[in-house]
C-alpha atoms as a PDB file:
ATOM      1  CA  UNK A   1     -37.146  -7.464 -54.050  1.00  0.00           C
ATOM      2  CA  UNK A   2     -36.839  -5.228 -51.001  1.00  0.00           C
ATOM      3  CA  UNK A   3     -38.225  -7.865 -48.648  1.00  0.00           C
ATOM      4  CA  UNK A   4     -35.429 -10.341 -49.365  1.00  0.00           C
ATOM      5  CA  UNK A   5     -32.527  -7.994 -48.356  1.00  0.00           C
ATOM      6  CA  UNK A   6     -34.431  -6.968 -45.233  1.00  0.00           C
ATOM      7  CA  UNK A   7     -34.994 -10.618 -44.337  1.00  0.00           C
ATOM      8  CA  UNK A   8     -31.306 -11.320 -44.950  1.00  0.00           C
ATOM      9  CA  UNK A   9     -30.284  -8.446 -42.709  1.00  0.00           C
ATOM     10  CA  UNK A  10     -32.506  -9.724 -39.903  1.00  0.00           C
ATOM     11  CA  UNK A  11     -31.107 -13.222 -40.322  1.00  0.00           C
ATOM     12  CA  UNK A  12     -27.561 -11.898 -40.185  1.00  0.00           C
ATOM     13  CA  UNK A  13     -28.356  -9.862 -37.081  1.00  0.00           C
ATOM     14  CA  UNK A  14     -29.839 -12.898 -35.338  1.00  0.00           C
ATOM     15  CA  UNK A  15     -26.905 -15.170 -36.186  1.00  0.00           C
ATOM     16  CA  UNK A  16     -23.928 -12.827 -35.893  1.00  0.00           C
ATOM     17  CA  UNK A  17     -24.814  -9.792 -33.775  1.00  0.00           C
ATOM     18  CA  UNK A  18     -27.638 -10.717 -31.396  1.00  0.00           C
ATOM     19  CA  UNK A  19     -25.432 -12.753 -29.046  1.00  0.00           C
ATOM     20  CA  UNK A  20     -23.013  -9.829 -28.760  1.00  0.00           C
ATOM     21  CA  UNK A  21     -25.778  -7.546 -27.540  1.00  0.00           C
ATOM     22  CA  UNK A  22     -26.825 -10.201 -25.034  1.00  0.00           C
ATOM     23  CA  UNK A  23     -23.264 -10.534 -23.707  1.00  0.00           C
ATOM     24  CA  UNK A  24     -22.911  -6.741 -23.531  1.00  0.00           C
ATOM     25  CA  UNK A  25     -26.186  -6.440 -21.611  1.00  0.00           C
ATOM     26  CA  UNK A  26     -25.105  -9.134 -19.136  1.00  0.00           C
ATOM     27  CA  UNK A  27     -21.721  -7.446 -18.667  1.00  0.00           C
ATOM     28  CA  UNK A  28     -23.378  -4.082 -18.035  1.00  0.00           C
ATOM     29  CA  UNK A  29     -25.765  -5.647 -15.525  1.00  0.00           C
ATOM     30  CA  UNK A  30     -22.893  -7.433 -13.770  1.00  0.00           C
ATOM     31  CA  UNK A  31     -20.830  -4.231 -13.554  1.00  0.00           C
ATOM     32  CA  UNK A  32     -23.750  -1.942 -12.747  1.00  0.00           C
ATOM     33  CA  UNK A  33     -25.331  -3.980  -9.942  1.00  0.00           C
ATOM     34  CA  UNK A  34     -22.758  -3.148  -7.203  1.00  0.00           C
ATOM     35  CA  UNK A  35     -22.612   0.501  -8.310  1.00  0.00           C
ATOM     36  CA  UNK A  36     -26.391   0.818  -8.161  1.00  0.00           C
ATOM     37  CA  UNK A  37     -26.520  -0.936  -4.775  1.00  0.00           C
ATOM     38  CA  UNK A  38     -23.862   1.355  -3.242  1.00  0.00           C
ATOM     39  CA  UNK A  39     -25.564   4.449  -4.643  1.00  0.00           C
ATOM     40  CA  UNK A  40     -28.914   3.257  -3.284  1.00  0.00           C
ATOM     41  CA  UNK A  41     -27.377   2.589   0.141  1.00  0.00           C
ATOM     42  CA  UNK A  42     -25.823   6.060   0.217  1.00  0.00           C
ATOM     43  CA  UNK A  43     -29.226   7.662  -0.415  1.00  0.00           C
ATOM     44  CA  UNK A  44     -31.114   5.457   2.047  1.00  0.00           C
ATOM     45  CA  UNK A  45     -32.050   7.581   5.109  1.00  0.00           C
ATOM     46  CA  UNK A  46     -31.795   4.559   7.435  1.00  0.00           C
ATOM     47  CA  UNK A  47     -28.559   3.261   5.925  1.00  0.00           C
ATOM     48  CA  UNK A  48     -28.542  -0.228   7.396  1.00  0.00           C
ATOM     49  CA  UNK A  49     -27.980  -3.625   5.836  1.00  0.00           C
ATOM     50  CA  UNK A  50     -31.591  -4.691   6.384  1.00  0.00           C
ATOM     51  CA  UNK A  51     -33.137  -1.565   4.857  1.00  0.00           C
ATOM     52  CA  UNK A  52     -30.930  -1.264   1.765  1.00  0.00           C
ATOM     53  CA  UNK A  53     -32.249  -2.549  -1.549  1.00  0.00           C
ATOM     54  CA  UNK A  54     -31.233  -2.234  -5.166  1.00  0.00           C
ATOM     55  CA  UNK A  55     -33.503   0.814  -5.561  1.00  0.00           C
ATOM     56  CA  UNK A  56     -34.357   3.258  -2.739  1.00  0.00           C
ATOM     57  CA  UNK A  57     -37.731   2.275  -1.267  1.00  0.00           C
ATOM     58  CA  UNK A  58     -37.814   4.607   1.751  1.00  0.00           C
ATOM     59  CA  UNK A  59     -37.231   7.838  -0.098  1.00  0.00           C
ATOM     60  CA  UNK A  60     -34.054   9.660  -1.025  1.00  0.00           C
ATOM     61  CA  UNK A  61     -32.033  11.531   1.569  1.00  0.00           C
ATOM     62  CA  UNK A  62     -28.609  13.176   1.791  1.00  0.00           C
ATOM     63  CA  UNK A  63     -28.325  12.475   5.508  1.00  0.00           C
ATOM     64  CA  UNK A  64     -25.441  10.043   5.008  1.00  0.00           C
ATOM     65  CA  UNK A  65     -23.462  12.641   3.033  1.00  0.00           C
ATOM     66  CA  UNK A  66     -24.128  15.272   5.683  1.00  0.00           C
ATOM     67  CA  UNK A  67     -22.926  12.862   8.360  1.00  0.00           C
ATOM     68  CA  UNK A  68     -19.586  12.597   6.577  1.00  0.00           C
ATOM     69  CA  UNK A  69     -18.919  16.325   6.608  1.00  0.00           C
ATOM     70  CA  UNK A  70     -20.331  17.308  10.000  1.00  0.00           C
ATOM     71  CA  UNK A  71     -17.557  15.394  11.773  1.00  0.00           C
ATOM     72  CA  UNK A  72     -19.830  12.953  13.584  1.00  0.00           C
ATOM     73  CA  UNK A  73     -18.181   9.885  12.036  1.00  0.00           C
ATOM     74  CA  UNK A  74     -14.617  11.208  11.813  1.00  0.00           C
ATOM     75  CA  UNK A  75     -12.526  13.793   9.941  1.00  0.00           C
ATOM     76  CA  UNK A  76     -13.724  12.751   6.478  1.00  0.00           C
ATOM     77  CA  UNK A  77     -12.478  15.950   4.845  1.00  0.00           C
ATOM     78  CA  UNK A  78      -9.018  15.311   6.251  1.00  0.00           C
ATOM     79  CA  UNK A  79      -9.093  11.725   4.976  1.00  0.00           C
ATOM     80  CA  UNK A  80     -10.060  12.988   1.537  1.00  0.00           C
ATOM     81  CA  UNK A  81      -7.226  15.529   1.471  1.00  0.00           C
ATOM     82  CA  UNK A  82      -4.701  12.946   2.686  1.00  0.00           C
ATOM     83  CA  UNK A  83      -5.794  10.550  -0.041  1.00  0.00           C
ATOM     84  CA  UNK A  84      -5.436  13.137  -2.788  1.00  0.00           C
ATOM     85  CA  UNK A  85      -1.973  14.126  -1.512  1.00  0.00           C
ATOM     86  CA  UNK A  86      -0.739  10.540  -1.304  1.00  0.00           C
ATOM     87  CA  UNK A  87      -2.201   9.548  -4.690  1.00  0.00           C
ATOM     88  CA  UNK A  88      -0.797  12.605  -6.466  1.00  0.00           C
ATOM     89  CA  UNK A  89       2.685  12.320  -4.956  1.00  0.00           C
ATOM     90  CA  UNK A  90       3.034   8.566  -5.419  1.00  0.00           C
ATOM     91  CA  UNK A  91       1.629   8.587  -8.960  1.00  0.00           C
ATOM     92  CA  UNK A  92       3.937  11.454  -9.993  1.00  0.00           C
ATOM     93  CA  UNK A  93       7.027   9.812  -8.478  1.00  0.00           C
ATOM     94  CA  UNK A  94       6.140   6.464 -10.016  1.00  0.00           C
ATOM     95  CA  UNK A  95       5.689   7.913 -13.502  1.00  0.00           C
ATOM     96  CA  UNK A  96       8.903   9.961 -13.356  1.00  0.00           C
ATOM     97  CA  UNK A  97      10.996   7.050 -12.077  1.00  0.00           C
ATOM     98  CA  UNK A  98       9.389   4.452 -14.340  1.00  0.00           C
ATOM     99  CA  UNK A  99       9.740   6.527 -17.519  1.00  0.00           C
ATOM    100  CA  UNK A 100      13.361   7.395 -16.724  1.00  0.00           C
ATOM    101  CA  UNK A 101      14.263   3.780 -15.996  1.00  0.00           C
ATOM    102  CA  UNK A 102      12.337   2.585 -19.051  1.00  0.00           C
ATOM    103  CA  UNK A 103      14.350   4.959 -21.269  1.00  0.00           C
ATOM    104  CA  UNK A 104      17.611   3.631 -19.842  1.00  0.00           C
ATOM    105  CA  UNK A 105      16.606  -0.012 -20.335  1.00  0.00           C
ATOM    106  CA  UNK A 106      15.146   0.613 -23.792  1.00  0.00           C
ATOM    107  CA  UNK A 107      17.688   2.960 -25.393  1.00  0.00           C
ATOM    108  CA  UNK A 108      20.966   2.386 -23.551  1.00  0.00           C
ATOM    109  CA  UNK A 109      23.235  -0.658 -23.499  1.00  0.00           C
ATOM    110  CA  UNK A 110      25.179  -1.226 -20.292  1.00  0.00           C
ATOM    111  CA  UNK A 111      26.474  -4.042 -18.146  1.00  0.00           C
ATOM    112  CA  UNK A 112      23.789  -5.538 -15.920  1.00  0.00           C
ATOM    113  CA  UNK A 113      20.907  -4.345 -18.114  1.00  0.00           C
ATOM    114  CA  UNK A 114      19.375  -7.788 -18.571  1.00  0.00           C
ATOM    115  CA  UNK A 115      19.919  -8.681 -14.918  1.00  0.00           C
ATOM    116  CA  UNK A 116      18.280  -5.451 -13.816  1.00  0.00           C
ATOM    117  CA  UNK A 117      15.208  -6.102 -15.949  1.00  0.00           C
ATOM    118  CA  UNK A 118      14.865  -9.640 -14.637  1.00  0.00           C
ATOM    119  CA  UNK A 119      15.354  -8.416 -11.060  1.00  0.00           C
ATOM    120  CA  UNK A 120      12.550  -5.885 -11.500  1.00  0.00           C
ATOM    121  CA  UNK A 121      10.293  -8.588 -12.896  1.00  0.00           C
ATOM    122  CA  UNK A 122      11.122 -10.868  -9.974  1.00  0.00           C
ATOM    123  CA  UNK A 123      10.440  -8.150  -7.396  1.00  0.00           C
ATOM    124  CA  UNK A 124       7.093  -7.332  -9.003  1.00  0.00           C
ATOM    125  CA  UNK A 125       5.978 -10.948  -8.470  1.00  0.00           C
ATOM    126  CA  UNK A 126       6.015 -10.548  -4.690  1.00  0.00           C
ATOM    127  CA  UNK A 127       2.947  -8.830  -3.154  1.00  0.00           C
ATOM    128  CA  UNK A 128       3.345  -5.769  -0.938  1.00  0.00           C
ATOM    129  CA  UNK A 129       1.886  -7.621   2.021  1.00  0.00           C
ATOM    130  CA  UNK A 130       5.176  -9.516   2.411  1.00  0.00           C
ATOM    131  CA  UNK A 131       6.946  -6.235   3.230  1.00  0.00           C
ATOM    132  CA  UNK A 132       4.425  -4.987   5.802  1.00  0.00           C
ATOM    133  CA  UNK A 133       6.369  -6.060   8.884  1.00  0.00           C
ATOM    134  CA  UNK A 134       9.658  -4.757   7.507  1.00  0.00           C
ATOM    135  CA  UNK A 135       8.051  -1.401   6.604  1.00  0.00           C
ATOM    136  CA  UNK A 136       6.477  -1.131  10.053  1.00  0.00           C
ATOM    137  CA  UNK A 137       9.756  -1.819  11.868  1.00  0.00           C
ATOM    138  CA  UNK A 138      11.743   0.449   9.537  1.00  0.00           C
ATOM    139  CA  UNK A 139       9.516   3.499   9.892  1.00  0.00           C
ATOM    140  CA  UNK A 140       9.040   2.844  13.595  1.00  0.00           C
ATOM    141  CA  UNK A 141      12.793   3.258  14.056  1.00  0.00           C
ATOM    142  CA  UNK A 142      12.989   6.203  11.643  1.00  0.00           C
ATOM    143  CA  UNK A 143      10.144   7.956  13.454  1.00  0.00           C
ATOM    144  CA  UNK A 144      12.111   7.973  16.683  1.00  0.00           C
ATOM    145  CA  UNK A 145      14.828  10.014  14.961  1.00  0.00           C
ATOM    146  CA  UNK A 146      12.706  12.023  12.469  1.00  0.00           C
ATOM    147  CA  UNK A 147       9.104  12.099  13.726  1.00  0.00           C
ATOM    148  CA  UNK A 148       7.861  13.842  10.562  1.00  0.00           C
ATOM    149  CA  UNK A 149       8.389  10.670   8.501  1.00  0.00           C
ATOM    150  CA  UNK A 150       7.513   8.085  11.115  1.00  0.00           C
ATOM    151  CA  UNK A 151       4.392   6.027  11.606  1.00  0.00           C
ATOM    152  CA  UNK A 152       0.999   7.767  11.398  1.00  0.00           C
ATOM    153  CA  UNK A 153       2.362  10.519   9.155  1.00  0.00           C
ATOM    154  CA  UNK A 154       1.227  11.297   5.618  1.00  0.00           C
ATOM    155  CA  UNK A 155       4.787  12.062   4.498  1.00  0.00           C
ATOM    156  CA  UNK A 156       6.081   8.768   5.840  1.00  0.00           C
ATOM    157  CA  UNK A 157       3.236   6.902   4.153  1.00  0.00           C
ATOM    158  CA  UNK A 158       4.064   8.615   0.843  1.00  0.00           C
ATOM    159  CA  UNK A 159       7.694   7.518   1.171  1.00  0.00           C
ATOM    160  CA  UNK A 160       6.630   3.962   1.989  1.00  0.00           C
ATOM    161  CA  UNK A 161       4.319   3.815  -1.027  1.00  0.00           C
ATOM    162  CA  UNK A 162       6.991   5.124  -3.414  1.00  0.00           C
ATOM    163  CA  UNK A 163       8.924   1.925  -2.772  1.00  0.00           C
ATOM    164  CA  UNK A 164       7.149   0.563  -5.855  1.00  0.00           C
ATOM    165  CA  UNK A 165       8.141   3.521  -8.029  1.00  0.00           C
ATOM    166  CA  UNK A 166       9.546   1.219 -10.730  1.00  0.00           C
ATOM    167  CA  UNK A 167       6.421  -0.878 -11.018  1.00  0.00           C
ATOM    168  CA  UNK A 168       5.543   0.411 -14.506  1.00  0.00           C
ATOM    169  CA  UNK A 169       8.983   0.032 -16.097  1.00  0.00           C
ATOM    170  CA  UNK A 170       8.177  -3.047 -18.171  1.00  0.00           C
ATOM    171  CA  UNK A 171       4.956  -1.541 -19.517  1.00  0.00           C
ATOM    172  CA  UNK A 172       6.565   1.766 -20.524  1.00  0.00           C
ATOM    173  CA  UNK A 173       9.678   0.042 -21.865  1.00  0.00           C
ATOM    174  CA  UNK A 174       7.504  -2.043 -24.183  1.00  0.00           C
ATOM    175  CA  UNK A 175       6.011   1.136 -25.610  1.00  0.00           C
ATOM    176  CA  UNK A 176       9.443   2.703 -26.069  1.00  0.00           C
ATOM    177  CA  UNK A 177      10.790  -0.409 -27.799  1.00  0.00           C
ATOM    178  CA  UNK A 178       8.092  -0.035 -30.456  1.00  0.00           C
ATOM    179  CA  UNK A 179       9.359   3.446 -31.424  1.00  0.00           C
ATOM    180  CA  UNK A 180      11.857   3.368 -34.330  1.00  0.00           C
ATOM    181  CA  UNK A 181      15.398   4.216 -33.341  1.00  0.00           C
ATOM    182  CA  UNK A 182      15.650   6.305 -36.481  1.00  0.00           C
ATOM    183  CA  UNK A 183      13.956   9.105 -34.544  1.00  0.00           C
ATOM    184  CA  UNK A 184      16.781   9.011 -31.989  1.00  0.00           C
ATOM    185  CA  UNK A 185      19.437   8.955 -34.703  1.00  0.00           C
ATOM    186  CA  UNK A 186      17.873  11.917 -36.515  1.00  0.00           C
ATOM    187  CA  UNK A 187      17.802  13.880 -33.269  1.00  0.00           C
ATOM    188  CA  UNK A 188      21.462  13.050 -32.541  1.00  0.00           C
ATOM    189  CA  UNK A 189      22.424  14.331 -35.985  1.00  0.00           C
ATOM    190  CA  UNK A 190      20.845  17.646 -35.013  1.00  0.00           C
ATOM    191  CA  UNK A 191      22.921  17.679 -31.825  1.00  0.00           C
ATOM    192  CA  UNK A 192      20.311  16.445 -29.344  1.00  0.00           C
ATOM    193  CA  UNK A 193      21.415  14.613 -26.222  1.00  0.00           C
ATOM    194  CA  UNK A 194      19.685  11.965 -24.161  1.00  0.00           C
ATOM    195  CA  UNK A 195      17.605  14.469 -22.194  1.00  0.00           C
ATOM    196  CA  UNK A 196      16.255  16.142 -25.330  1.00  0.00           C
ATOM    197  CA  UNK A 197      15.532  12.797 -26.995  1.00  0.00           C
ATOM    198  CA  UNK A 198      13.755  11.580 -23.866  1.00  0.00           C
ATOM    199  CA  UNK A 199      11.656  14.675 -23.227  1.00  0.00           C
ATOM    200  CA  UNK A 200      10.959  15.952 -26.757  1.00  0.00           C
ATOM    201  CA  UNK A 201      11.004  12.815 -28.905  1.00  0.00           C
ATOM    202  CA  UNK A 202       9.902   9.810 -26.856  1.00  0.00           C
ATOM    203  CA  UNK A 203       7.591  11.264 -24.211  1.00  0.00           C
ATOM    204  CA  UNK A 204       5.210  12.923 -26.721  1.00  0.00           C
ATOM    205  CA  UNK A 205       4.977   9.642 -28.636  1.00  0.00           C
ATOM    206  CA  UNK A 206       4.137   7.499 -25.596  1.00  0.00           C
ATOM    207  CA  UNK A 207       1.533   9.862 -24.137  1.00  0.00           C
ATOM    208  CA  UNK A 208      -1.178   7.145 -24.266  1.00  0.00           C
ATOM    209  CA  UNK A 209       0.868   4.685 -22.191  1.00  0.00           C
ATOM    210  CA  UNK A 210       1.893   7.423 -19.740  1.00  0.00           C
ATOM    211  CA  UNK A 211      -1.748   8.420 -19.296  1.00  0.00           C
ATOM    212  CA  UNK A 212      -2.703   4.782 -18.760  1.00  0.00           C
ATOM    213  CA  UNK A 213       0.033   4.129 -16.201  1.00  0.00           C
ATOM    214  CA  UNK A 214      -0.833   7.361 -14.383  1.00  0.00           C
ATOM    215  CA  UNK A 215      -4.422   6.232 -14.051  1.00  0.00           C
ATOM    216  CA  UNK A 216      -3.370   2.749 -12.916  1.00  0.00           C
ATOM    217  CA  UNK A 217      -0.986   4.189 -10.323  1.00  0.00           C
ATOM    218  CA  UNK A 218      -3.638   6.597  -9.008  1.00  0.00           C
ATOM    219  CA  UNK A 219      -6.271   3.869  -8.728  1.00  0.00           C
ATOM    220  CA  UNK A 220      -3.796   1.482  -7.102  1.00  0.00           C
ATOM    221  CA  UNK A 221      -2.890   3.989  -4.400  1.00  0.00           C
ATOM    222  CA  UNK A 222      -6.420   5.228  -3.715  1.00  0.00           C
ATOM    223  CA  UNK A 223      -7.573   1.645  -3.097  1.00  0.00           C
ATOM    224  CA  UNK A 224      -4.523   0.575  -1.078  1.00  0.00           C
ATOM    225  CA  UNK A 225      -5.522  -0.648   2.375  1.00  0.00           C
ATOM    226  CA  UNK A 226      -3.161  -3.288   3.776  1.00  0.00           C
ATOM    227  CA  UNK A 227      -0.063  -1.138   4.323  1.00  0.00           C
ATOM    228  CA  UNK A 228      -2.191   1.889   5.209  1.00  0.00           C
ATOM    229  CA  UNK A 229      -4.051   0.012   7.957  1.00  0.00           C
ATOM    230  CA  UNK A 230      -0.727  -0.932   9.546  1.00  0.00           C
ATOM    231  CA  UNK A 231       0.995   2.396   8.937  1.00  0.00           C
ATOM    232  CA  UNK A 232      -1.710   4.981   9.669  1.00  0.00           C
ATOM    233  CA  UNK A 233      -2.804   4.744  13.290  1.00  0.00           C
ATOM    234  CA  UNK A 234      -3.777   8.361  14.003  1.00  0.00           C
ATOM    235  CA  UNK A 235      -7.280   9.334  12.833  1.00  0.00           C
ATOM    236  CA  UNK A 236      -6.071  12.623  11.307  1.00  0.00           C
ATOM    237  CA  UNK A 237      -3.490  10.855   9.124  1.00  0.00           C
ATOM    238  CA  UNK A 238      -5.750   8.144   7.671  1.00  0.00           C
ATOM    239  CA  UNK A 239      -6.689   7.852   4.032  1.00  0.00           C
ATOM    240  CA  UNK A 240     -10.184   7.153   2.727  1.00  0.00           C
ATOM    241  CA  UNK A 241      -9.628   3.401   2.441  1.00  0.00           C
ATOM    242  CA  UNK A 242      -8.396   3.094   6.027  1.00  0.00           C
ATOM    243  CA  UNK A 243     -10.828   5.589   7.528  1.00  0.00           C
ATOM    244  CA  UNK A 244     -13.937   4.196   5.847  1.00  0.00           C
ATOM    245  CA  UNK A 245     -12.998   0.638   6.774  1.00  0.00           C
ATOM    246  CA  UNK A 246     -12.669   1.645  10.409  1.00  0.00           C
ATOM    247  CA  UNK A 247     -16.055   3.316  10.162  1.00  0.00           C
ATOM    248  CA  UNK A 248     -17.651   0.174   8.774  1.00  0.00           C
ATOM    249  CA  UNK A 249     -15.841  -2.072  11.241  1.00  0.00           C
ATOM    250  CA  UNK A 250     -17.151  -0.142  14.233  1.00  0.00           C
ATOM    251  CA  UNK A 251     -20.792  -0.814  13.312  1.00  0.00           C
ATOM    252  CA  UNK A 252     -21.212  -2.793  10.116  1.00  0.00           C
ATOM    253  CA  UNK A 253     -25.009  -2.555  10.039  1.00  0.00           C
ATOM    254  CA  UNK A 254     -25.801   1.015  11.086  1.00  0.00           C
ATOM    255  CA  UNK A 255     -22.920   2.673   9.210  1.00  0.00           C
ATOM    256  CA  UNK A 256     -23.482   1.033   5.839  1.00  0.00           C
ATOM    257  CA  UNK A 257     -25.178   4.124   4.390  1.00  0.00           C
ATOM    258  CA  UNK A 258     -22.387   6.451   5.526  1.00  0.00           C
ATOM    259  CA  UNK A 259     -19.782   4.025   4.205  1.00  0.00           C
ATOM    260  CA  UNK A 260     -21.586   3.866   0.855  1.00  0.00           C
ATOM    261  CA  UNK A 261     -21.712   7.671   0.684  1.00  0.00           C
ATOM    262  CA  UNK A 262     -17.968   7.803   1.307  1.00  0.00           C
ATOM    263  CA  UNK A 263     -17.400   5.191  -1.405  1.00  0.00           C
ATOM    264  CA  UNK A 264     -19.404   7.268  -3.894  1.00  0.00           C
ATOM    265  CA  UNK A 265     -17.351  10.374  -3.094  1.00  0.00           C
ATOM    266  CA  UNK A 266     -14.108   8.370  -3.317  1.00  0.00           C
ATOM    267  CA  UNK A 267     -14.747   7.462  -6.945  1.00  0.00           C
ATOM    268  CA  UNK A 268     -15.100  11.111  -8.014  1.00  0.00           C
ATOM    269  CA  UNK A 269     -11.318  11.844  -8.342  1.00  0.00           C
ATOM    270  CA  UNK A 270     -10.853   8.647 -10.367  1.00  0.00           C
ATOM    271  CA  UNK A 271     -13.679   9.573 -12.750  1.00  0.00           C
ATOM    272  CA  UNK A 272     -12.384  13.125 -13.168  1.00  0.00           C
ATOM    273  CA  UNK A 273      -8.841  11.899 -13.795  1.00  0.00           C
ATOM    274  CA  UNK A 274     -10.098   9.367 -16.340  1.00  0.00           C
ATOM    275  CA  UNK A 275     -12.082  12.040 -18.160  1.00  0.00           C
ATOM    276  CA  UNK A 276      -8.998  14.256 -18.279  1.00  0.00           C
ATOM    277  CA  UNK A 277      -6.673  11.476 -19.489  1.00  0.00           C
ATOM    278  CA  UNK A 278      -9.149   9.851 -21.853  1.00  0.00           C
ATOM    279  CA  UNK A 279      -8.128  11.869 -24.893  1.00  0.00           C
ATOM    280  CA  UNK A 280      -4.507  10.847 -24.351  1.00  0.00           C
ATOM    281  CA  UNK A 281      -5.372   7.194 -23.756  1.00  0.00           C
ATOM    282  CA  UNK A 282      -7.280   6.826 -27.033  1.00  0.00           C
ATOM    283  CA  UNK A 283      -4.996   9.037 -29.135  1.00  0.00           C
ATOM    284  CA  UNK A 284      -2.677   7.691 -31.809  1.00  0.00           C
ATOM    285  CA  UNK A 285       0.614   6.571 -30.307  1.00  0.00           C
ATOM    286  CA  UNK A 286       2.539   8.011 -33.263  1.00  0.00           C
ATOM    287  CA  UNK A 287       0.943  11.447 -33.264  1.00  0.00           C
ATOM    288  CA  UNK A 288       3.829  12.936 -31.309  1.00  0.00           C
ATOM    289  CA  UNK A 289       6.383  11.753 -33.861  1.00  0.00           C
ATOM    290  CA  UNK A 290       4.321  13.109 -36.754  1.00  0.00           C
ATOM    291  CA  UNK A 291       3.993  16.505 -35.095  1.00  0.00           C
ATOM    292  CA  UNK A 292       7.678  16.578 -34.258  1.00  0.00           C
END
């Protein structure tokens, strides 16, 4: 009698679950192959295209990582600091502006509301590359008057990147629309205004979507290259994406190992930020309302 249930369980596993494990294994292999190749290239002492394989075959060495920090390939530490500054500033500005605008579009009724939402959606359809020439000419003229925010400056690049500060409005507005308005009405009965409702009622409830948009904004800025390559000309003002590309462009074969080492170090802030925001991303979206 025990053999029949065991046979049925195996049959069910083969028909219903086995293919899922196969798909998961293929997905892991597809996602892990480039990561393993870059990590192998960063540990390869030769660090060339011809010598790099999926697994290190010539031993493991930290020479490529040392080359990044000894200044022989450029001010990598400065690039890293510039990237963290730009990502933090742009992500913070984008979240503050997007959440504020989302509250206005979700909770307030005013003339031009629908037109403003459609205008934001229309603007989001156009890629940033279309504005590259306009941004270059604009900050070239501004830099002649205020050099601190001109071309090849970190501050000017931060200002240029905050042009998309309302890029997350639709996503955050959708989360706010799902929150019952009864919470707002109860707070108004207690004498709360818009600021209190926004900061103490809605923001705690939409922590998961805020954490998600923060991570998306951070990743989007840290990987941004097109505007940065046009904007950042001075070596000391470059970000990791621009600096590492210039390093690879100068000698694509010999500098592959150093480029791979820089790519491995670039992913560390993203992983740390994800680990910090993970508990907010997976938390219950109504936990804030229950606690309140």
